[in-house]
Protein backbone atom coordinates (compact mmCIF):
# COMPACT_ATOMS: atom_id res chain seq x y z
CA MET A 1 0.00 0.00 0.00
CA ASN A 2 1.59 3.27 -1.17
CA ILE A 3 0.19 6.18 0.83
CA ASP A 4 1.30 9.80 0.70
CA PRO A 5 0.86 11.36 4.17
CA ARG A 6 0.09 14.74 2.61
CA ASN A 7 -3.07 13.22 1.14
CA CYS A 8 -4.16 11.54 4.36
CA LEU A 9 -6.47 12.31 7.24
CA LEU A 10 -7.39 10.31 10.31
CA VAL A 11 -10.96 9.94 11.59
CA THR A 12 -11.30 8.91 15.25
CA GLY A 13 -14.22 8.06 17.50
CA VAL A 14 -15.91 5.67 15.05
CA LEU A 15 -17.94 3.34 17.26
CA GLU A 16 -17.92 -0.41 16.82
CA ALA A 17 -21.62 -0.46 15.97
CA VAL A 18 -20.97 1.51 12.77
CA ASP A 19 -20.83 -0.84 9.77
CA GLU A 20 -17.43 -0.74 8.09
CA GLY A 21 -18.99 -0.38 4.67
CA SER A 22 -20.91 2.75 5.69
CA ILE A 23 -17.91 4.75 6.96
CA GLU A 24 -16.71 5.91 3.55
CA PRO A 25 -20.20 7.00 2.32
CA ILE A 26 -20.73 8.97 5.54
CA LEU A 27 -17.44 10.82 5.08
CA ARG A 28 -18.12 11.54 1.41
CA SER A 29 -21.58 12.96 2.14
CA SER A 30 -20.41 15.10 5.07
CA THR A 31 -18.81 17.78 2.86
CA GLU A 32 -18.08 18.28 -0.83
CA TYR A 33 -14.34 18.38 -0.17
CA LEU A 34 -14.37 14.76 1.07
CA CYS A 35 -16.57 13.42 -1.74
CA LYS A 36 -13.63 11.50 -3.25
CA CYS A 37 -11.96 10.25 -0.09
CA LYS A 38 -11.15 6.55 0.18
CA MET A 39 -10.92 4.48 3.33
CA ARG A 40 -7.52 2.75 3.54
CA GLY A 41 -7.78 0.93 6.85
CA ARG A 42 -8.92 1.07 10.43
CA ILE A 43 -7.74 -0.05 13.86
CA PHE A 44 -9.56 -0.51 17.15
CA VAL A 45 -8.19 1.86 19.85
CA ARG A 46 -8.79 0.13 23.17
CA GLU A 47 -8.30 3.27 25.27
CA GLU A 48 -11.06 5.08 23.36
CA GLY A 49 -13.31 2.07 22.80
CA ALA A 50 -13.68 3.07 19.15
CA PHE A 51 -12.00 2.77 15.74
CA ALA A 52 -9.48 5.13 14.16
CA VAL A 53 -9.92 5.19 10.37
CA LEU A 54 -7.24 6.19 7.86
CA CYS A 55 -8.55 7.92 4.72
CA GLU A 56 -6.82 9.24 1.60
CA LEU A 57 -7.73 12.03 -0.81
CA PRO A 58 -6.66 12.27 -4.48
CA SER A 59 -4.44 15.28 -3.68
CA ALA A 60 -2.78 17.01 -0.74
CA VAL A 61 -5.15 17.76 2.12
CA ASP A 62 -6.06 21.39 2.70
CA PRO A 63 -6.76 21.65 6.46
CA LEU A 64 -8.90 24.73 5.89
CA GLN A 65 -11.31 22.67 3.77
CA VAL A 66 -11.62 19.76 6.21
CA PRO A 67 -14.14 19.97 9.08
CA GLY A 68 -12.73 19.37 12.56
CA THR A 69 -15.65 17.10 13.42
CA ILE A 70 -18.33 15.23 11.53
CA ALA A 71 -21.74 14.84 13.12
CA VAL A 72 -23.24 11.34 13.02
CA ASP A 73 -26.28 9.70 14.55
CA ASP A 74 -24.43 8.41 17.62
CA GLY A 75 -22.31 11.51 18.28
CA GLU A 76 -19.46 12.92 16.25
CA TRP A 77 -16.21 11.83 14.65
CA LYS A 78 -13.03 13.84 15.00
CA VAL A 79 -10.96 14.54 11.88
CA ILE A 80 -7.20 14.94 12.16
CA THR A 81 -5.07 16.23 9.27
CA THR A 82 -1.32 16.62 8.75
CA GLY A 83 -1.49 20.18 7.51
CA SER A 84 0.20 21.51 4.37
CA GLN A 85 3.09 23.52 5.76
CA PRO A 86 6.29 21.70 6.72
CA SER A 87 7.33 24.30 9.26
CA PRO A 88 6.29 25.26 11.78
CA ALA A 89 4.36 22.06 12.44
CA PRO A 90 0.75 22.82 13.41
CA THR A 91 -0.90 21.20 16.40
CA ALA A 92 -2.83 18.89 14.07
CA ASP A 93 0.50 17.51 12.78
CA VAL A 94 1.62 16.56 16.25
CA GLU A 95 -1.70 14.92 17.05
CA PHE A 96 -1.68 13.08 13.76
CA LEU A 97 1.86 11.91 14.50
CA LYS A 98 0.73 10.54 17.85
CA LYS A 99 -2.12 8.60 16.28
CA MET A 100 0.13 7.22 13.58
CA SER A 101 2.68 6.25 16.23
CA ASP A 102 -0.06 4.19 17.87
CA PHE A 103 -0.36 2.27 14.61
CA LEU A 104 3.37 1.52 14.80
CA GLY A 105 3.12 0.49 18.44
CA LYS A 106 0.60 -2.21 17.57
CA GLU A 107 3.27 -3.77 15.35
CA GLY A 108 6.07 -3.45 17.92
CA LYS A 109 7.72 -0.56 16.08
CA THR A 110 8.86 2.83 17.35
CA LEU A 111 9.81 6.13 15.75
CA ALA A 112 13.48 5.20 16.09
CA ASP A 113 12.90 2.20 13.78
CA MET A 114 11.60 4.30 10.91
CA PRO A 115 14.85 5.54 9.32
CA GLY A 116 16.15 1.98 9.02
CA LEU A 117 12.87 0.61 7.69
CA LEU A 118 12.68 3.36 5.07
CA GLY A 119 16.35 3.14 4.08
CA LEU A 120 17.02 6.78 4.94
CA LYS A 121 20.63 7.91 4.74
CA PRO A 122 22.27 8.53 8.12
CA ARG A 123 23.23 12.10 8.87
CA ALA A 124 26.81 13.17 9.40
CA PRO A 125 27.72 13.49 13.11
CA GLN A 126 28.00 17.25 12.93
CA GLN A 127 24.57 17.49 11.29
CA GLU A 128 22.85 15.02 13.62
CA THR A 129 19.64 16.70 14.74
CA ALA A 130 16.19 15.48 15.64
CA PRO A 131 13.87 15.35 12.63
CA SER A 132 10.96 17.74 12.58
CA PRO A 133 7.42 16.52 13.23
CA TYR A 134 6.61 16.99 9.55
CA GLU A 135 9.52 14.75 8.52
CA TRP A 136 8.33 12.04 10.90
CA VAL A 137 4.78 12.32 9.56
CA LYS A 138 6.10 11.90 6.05
CA ALA A 139 8.25 8.92 7.04
CA LEU A 140 5.38 7.29 8.89
CA GLY A 141 3.07 7.79 5.95
CA GLN A 142 5.53 6.09 3.59
CA ALA A 143 5.92 3.18 6.00
CA LEU A 144 2.25 2.83 6.80
CA GLY A 145 1.73 0.21 4.12
CA LYS A 146 4.36 -1.97 5.81
CA VAL A 147 3.07 -1.66 9.35
CA MET A 148 -0.69 -1.44 8.85
CA PRO A 149 -2.16 -3.75 11.52
CA PRO A 150 -3.58 -6.90 9.95
CA HIS A 151 -7.20 -7.92 10.12
CA PRO A 152 -8.09 -9.54 13.46
CA GLU A 153 -8.51 -12.87 11.69
CA SER A 154 -4.78 -12.93 10.93
CA SER A 155 -3.67 -11.57 14.30
CA PRO A 156 -1.90 -14.14 16.49
CA TYR A 157 -3.79 -14.89 19.68
CA ARG A 158 -4.13 -17.62 22.23
CA LYS A 159 -7.04 -19.84 21.26
CA LEU A 160 -9.78 -20.55 23.76
CA ARG A 161 -10.15 -24.04 25.15
CA LEU A 162 -12.69 -26.33 23.55
CA PHE A 163 -16.09 -27.02 25.07
CA SER A 164 -19.02 -29.00 23.68
CA GLY A 165 -21.37 -29.71 26.58
CA GLY A 166 -22.12 -33.11 25.09
CA PRO A 167 -22.58 -36.35 27.04
CA THR A 168 -19.21 -37.61 25.80
CA PRO A 169 -16.38 -35.06 26.22
CA ILE A 170 -14.28 -34.45 23.12
CA PRO A 171 -10.46 -34.80 23.33
CA GLY A 172 -9.00 -31.84 25.21
CA GLU A 173 -12.32 -30.74 26.67
CA GLU A 174 -12.52 -29.77 30.34
CA ALA A 175 -15.39 -29.34 32.79
CA PHE A 176 -17.69 -26.38 32.29
CA GLU A 177 -16.83 -24.39 35.44
CA PRO A 178 -13.04 -24.10 34.82
CA TRP A 179 -13.72 -23.54 31.10
CA LEU A 180 -16.10 -20.67 31.88
CA GLU A 181 -13.65 -19.06 34.29
CA HIS A 182 -10.76 -19.24 31.79
CA THR A 183 -12.86 -18.05 28.86
CA THR A 184 -14.29 -15.09 30.77
CA GLU A 185 -10.81 -13.91 31.77
CA MET A 186 -9.42 -14.25 28.24
CA LEU A 187 -12.29 -12.40 26.60
CA GLN A 188 -11.95 -9.55 29.09
CA GLU A 189 -8.24 -9.18 28.33
CA TRP A 190 -8.41 -9.19 24.51
CA ALA A 191 -8.34 -5.68 23.01
CA VAL A 192 -10.56 -6.55 20.05
CA PRO A 193 -14.09 -5.49 19.04
CA GLU A 194 -17.13 -7.26 20.45
CA ALA A 195 -17.82 -8.94 17.10
CA GLU A 196 -14.33 -10.46 17.07
CA LYS A 197 -14.71 -11.72 20.65
CA ARG A 198 -17.99 -13.34 19.67
CA ARG A 199 -16.35 -14.99 16.66
CA ARG A 200 -13.54 -16.39 18.79
CA LEU A 201 -16.02 -17.72 21.33
CA VAL A 202 -18.01 -19.52 18.64
CA GLU A 203 -14.76 -20.90 17.25
CA CYS A 204 -14.06 -22.88 20.44
CA LEU A 205 -17.56 -24.35 20.83
CA ARG A 206 -18.83 -27.68 19.58
CA GLY A 207 -22.03 -29.72 19.72
CA PRO A 208 -24.82 -28.62 22.10
CA ALA A 209 -22.83 -25.62 23.33
CA LEU A 210 -22.53 -24.29 19.79
CA ASP A 211 -26.26 -24.84 19.26
CA VAL A 212 -27.02 -22.58 22.22
CA ILE A 213 -25.11 -19.65 20.69
CA ARG A 214 -26.53 -20.27 17.21
CA THR A 215 -30.01 -19.98 18.65
CA LEU A 216 -29.10 -16.71 20.35
CA LYS A 217 -27.68 -15.30 17.12
CA LEU A 218 -30.84 -16.16 15.21
CA GLY A 219 -32.79 -13.76 17.44
CA ASN A 220 -30.00 -11.19 17.74
CA PRO A 221 -26.99 -11.44 15.37
CA GLY A 222 -25.14 -8.84 17.42
CA VAL A 223 -25.66 -10.55 20.78
CA LYS A 224 -23.09 -9.53 23.40
CA VAL A 225 -20.40 -11.98 24.50
CA ARG A 226 -21.51 -11.54 28.12
CA ASP A 227 -25.02 -12.69 27.15
CA CYS A 228 -23.55 -15.69 25.33
CA LEU A 229 -21.60 -16.76 28.42
CA GLU A 230 -24.67 -16.27 30.57
CA ALA A 231 -26.72 -18.50 28.25
CA LEU A 232 -24.04 -21.18 28.39
CA ASP A 233 -23.99 -20.93 32.17
CA HIS A 234 -27.76 -21.46 32.28
CA ALA A 235 -27.48 -24.45 29.96
CA PHE A 236 -24.43 -26.22 31.39
CA GLY A 237 -23.65 -24.59 34.73
CA ARG A 238 -24.90 -25.48 38.16
CA THR A 239 -28.67 -25.36 38.49
CA GLU A 240 -28.72 -22.57 41.02
CA GLY A 241 -31.06 -19.64 41.16
CA SER A 242 -29.86 -16.09 41.69
CA GLU A 243 -31.06 -16.19 45.30
CA ASP A 244 -29.11 -19.40 46.01
CA VAL A 245 -25.91 -18.04 44.52
CA TYR A 246 -26.26 -14.75 46.39
CA CYS A 247 -26.86 -16.57 49.69
CA LYS A 248 -23.68 -18.60 49.17
CA PHE A 249 -21.80 -15.38 48.55
CA LEU A 250 -23.18 -13.74 51.71
CA ASN A 251 -22.41 -16.82 53.81
CA ALA A 252 -18.81 -17.08 52.64
CA ARG A 253 -16.51 -16.49 55.62
CA GLN A 254 -12.77 -16.66 56.11
CA GLN A 255 -11.91 -20.13 57.35
CA LYS A 256 -9.55 -20.88 60.21
CA GLY A 257 -5.98 -20.81 58.94
CA GLU A 258 -7.00 -19.33 55.58
CA LYS A 259 -5.05 -16.32 54.37
CA VAL A 260 -7.01 -13.17 53.66
CA SER A 261 -5.73 -13.18 50.06
CA ALA A 262 -6.99 -16.76 49.58
CA TYR A 263 -10.35 -15.76 51.04
CA VAL A 264 -10.62 -12.75 48.71
CA GLN A 265 -9.80 -14.92 45.69
CA ARG A 266 -12.35 -17.55 46.73
CA LEU A 267 -14.95 -14.86 47.30
CA GLU A 268 -14.30 -13.34 43.87
CA LYS A 269 -15.35 -16.56 42.12
CA LEU A 270 -18.64 -16.52 44.03
CA LEU A 271 -19.13 -12.84 43.19
CA GLN A 272 -18.65 -13.51 39.49
CA ARG A 273 -21.36 -16.16 39.63
CA THR A 274 -23.78 -13.80 41.39
CA ILE A 275 -23.18 -11.22 38.68
CA MET A 276 -23.76 -13.74 35.88
CA ARG A 277 -26.98 -14.84 37.59
CA GLY A 278 -28.13 -11.23 37.82
CA ALA A 279 -28.13 -11.09 41.63
CA VAL A 280 -25.58 -8.24 41.70
CA ALA A 281 -25.23 -5.42 39.18
CA VAL A 282 -21.82 -4.92 37.60
CA GLU A 283 -21.87 -1.29 38.79
CA GLN A 284 -22.14 -2.49 42.41
CA MET A 285 -19.43 -5.14 42.12
CA ASP A 286 -16.64 -3.35 44.02
CA ARG A 287 -18.94 -2.12 46.78
CA THR A 288 -20.55 -5.56 47.24
CA ARG A 289 -17.17 -7.29 47.33
CA LEU A 290 -15.70 -5.02 49.99
CA ALA A 291 -18.82 -5.15 52.15
CA GLN A 292 -18.69 -8.95 52.24
CA ILE A 293 -14.95 -8.98 52.94
CA VAL A 294 -15.51 -6.73 55.94
CA ARG A 295 -18.23 -9.10 57.17
CA GLY A 296 -16.38 -12.30 56.35
CA ILE A 297 -12.86 -11.63 57.62
CA GLN A 298 -12.15 -13.07 61.05
CA TYR A 299 -12.67 -10.73 64.00
CA GLN A 300 -9.70 -8.49 64.84
CA ASN A 301 -7.75 -9.49 61.74
CA PRO A 302 -4.91 -6.94 61.49
CA ILE A 303 -5.26 -6.58 57.71
CA LEU A 304 -8.81 -5.33 58.19
CA LEU A 305 -7.46 -2.57 60.41
CA HIS A 306 -4.18 -1.75 58.67
CA LEU A 307 -5.85 -1.33 55.27
CA ARG A 308 -8.80 0.51 56.86
CA LEU A 309 -11.24 -1.54 54.81
CA ARG A 310 -14.29 -0.53 56.85
CA GLU A 311 -13.66 3.16 56.19
CA ARG A 312 -13.27 2.60 52.42
CA GLN A 313 -16.71 1.16 51.73
CA ASP A 314 -17.97 4.47 50.32
CA ASN A 315 -15.10 4.45 47.79
CA PRO A 316 -14.23 0.75 47.37
CA PRO A 317 -11.08 -0.32 45.50
CA SER A 318 -11.16 -2.53 42.43
CA TYR A 319 -10.40 -6.23 42.78
CA SER A 320 -6.91 -5.89 41.29
CA LEU A 321 -5.98 -3.07 43.65
CA LEU A 322 -7.51 -4.80 46.68
CA ILE A 323 -5.77 -8.13 46.17
CA LYS A 324 -2.48 -6.29 45.57
CA GLU A 325 -2.80 -4.38 48.85
CA VAL A 326 -3.79 -7.52 50.77
CA ARG A 327 -0.87 -9.57 49.46
CA GLU A 328 1.60 -6.78 50.16
CA GLU A 329 0.29 -6.50 53.73
CA GLU A 330 0.57 -10.25 54.20
CA GLU A 331 4.18 -10.14 53.02
CA ARG A 332 4.91 -7.26 55.39
CA GLN A 333 3.46 -9.17 58.31
CA ALA A 334 5.35 -12.33 57.37
CA ALA A 335 8.57 -10.35 57.24
CA GLY A 336 7.77 -8.97 60.70
CA GLU A 337 7.31 -12.49 62.06
CA VAL A 338 10.66 -13.61 60.62
CA TRP A 339 12.37 -10.59 62.12
CA GLU A 340 10.91 -11.34 65.57
CA VAL A 341 12.08 -14.97 65.41
CA GLN A 342 15.58 -13.92 64.38
CA GLN A 343 15.77 -11.43 67.24
CA HIS A 344 14.73 -14.08 69.77
CA GLN A 345 17.22 -16.58 68.39
CA ALA A 346 20.00 -14.00 68.46
CA SER A 347 19.29 -13.18 72.10
CA GLY A 348 18.98 -16.85 73.03
CA THR A 349 15.57 -16.33 74.58
CA THR A 350 12.18 -17.80 73.87
CA SER A 351 9.16 -15.58 73.78
CA THR A 352 5.51 -16.05 72.95
CA ARG A 353 4.91 -12.39 72.18
CA THR A 354 2.79 -11.55 69.18
CA PRO A 355 4.89 -9.98 66.39
CA LYS A 356 4.39 -6.23 66.15
CA ALA A 357 3.12 -6.51 62.57
CA LEU A 358 0.27 -8.70 63.81
CA MET A 359 -0.61 -6.80 66.96
CA VAL A 360 -4.07 -5.25 67.03
CA ASN A 361 -4.70 -2.15 69.04
CA PRO A 362 -8.13 -2.57 70.70
CA GLN A 363 -8.49 1.19 71.00
CA GLU A 364 -7.79 1.63 67.28
CA GLU A 365 -10.35 -1.02 66.36
CA LEU A 366 -12.96 0.53 68.65
CA THR A 367 -12.36 3.94 67.09
CA GLN A 368 -12.79 2.54 63.57
CA ARG A 369 -16.01 0.75 64.53
CA VAL A 370 -17.44 3.94 66.04
CA GLN A 371 -16.56 5.90 62.91
CA ALA A 372 -18.26 3.28 60.75
CA CYS A 373 -21.38 3.43 62.92
CA HIS A 374 -21.51 7.21 62.61
CA LYS A 375 -21.38 6.93 58.82
CA GLN A 376 -24.22 4.40 58.77
CA ILE A 377 -26.34 6.62 61.04
CA ALA A 378 -25.63 9.64 58.83
CA LYS A 379 -26.76 7.71 55.75
CA GLY A 380 -29.97 6.64 57.49
């Protein structure tokens, strides 16, 4: 693909729901100046949750003729141009450069790789200066054909595990519960559009499980992946109602000898099931998790006090942040225990004192409980 950056513009904010074939007609009808533009490619920008589309005009783009935004039914698209003057570089050039650099990043390339890829002659040492933004835009445009991200179908990815749901498991098939847990995590991590996630899910299904999704797609071809997993859970998961699952979640308590981190991880699996059964809204996930942890952790556990979990229920942390804090606190306490043992061994004495890292101040706990009660009364 031979693309001249002077003829290019970038359109961002194109939502996934917009049909790929309708993008070019929308741009052409937006203004007479864009009536001959051609769509050259697009890439899904995870941070924005939308596509960035590269378009080319027959001749050099005149920024004064291009609208900054294009109004569409679901909002507006932002149009970024390179500008026509090499120096000084306008703000649009710099922004365009950033977007084009994102294209390179998807292919594991950086700006520093461009001179070598393009076969540019090295500068003499005395003339070695940083290239201008315009020069980089030009270089990136020439290299775009080499680094344009491939279609998701050709992108390497880790395939999902097979599942059929049939009476006789196929080779390599595992039980439904671990399959569902693994599949849910993988689909959440992949930075691809919803349609591609759905395609990859269907790809790993066989037999009765595949029939369930086919039936869903007959009624709604654009069915969400989350709804597909929920339907599979209803068909092959445990026959539990939302009330039963929620009761199990509320009754989950830290067991004797169980680490707080292990309890949090065990509780998270139950929470995911309550969400899939519709007993807890996704928006309330963090708040519900923390509230149960406060109820379920053993009385006077030092982690409950040191991390001030009771006081954080109005602004609960995410699961990733919470488990990180809990594990770090456990490591700190373990290090404190080791230090105490070493001190006793060095002094040749035996002591049954509780390590300082594990000591709980009754006055501190009482103060925290009183503060929590005041907050509850204030809410009431």
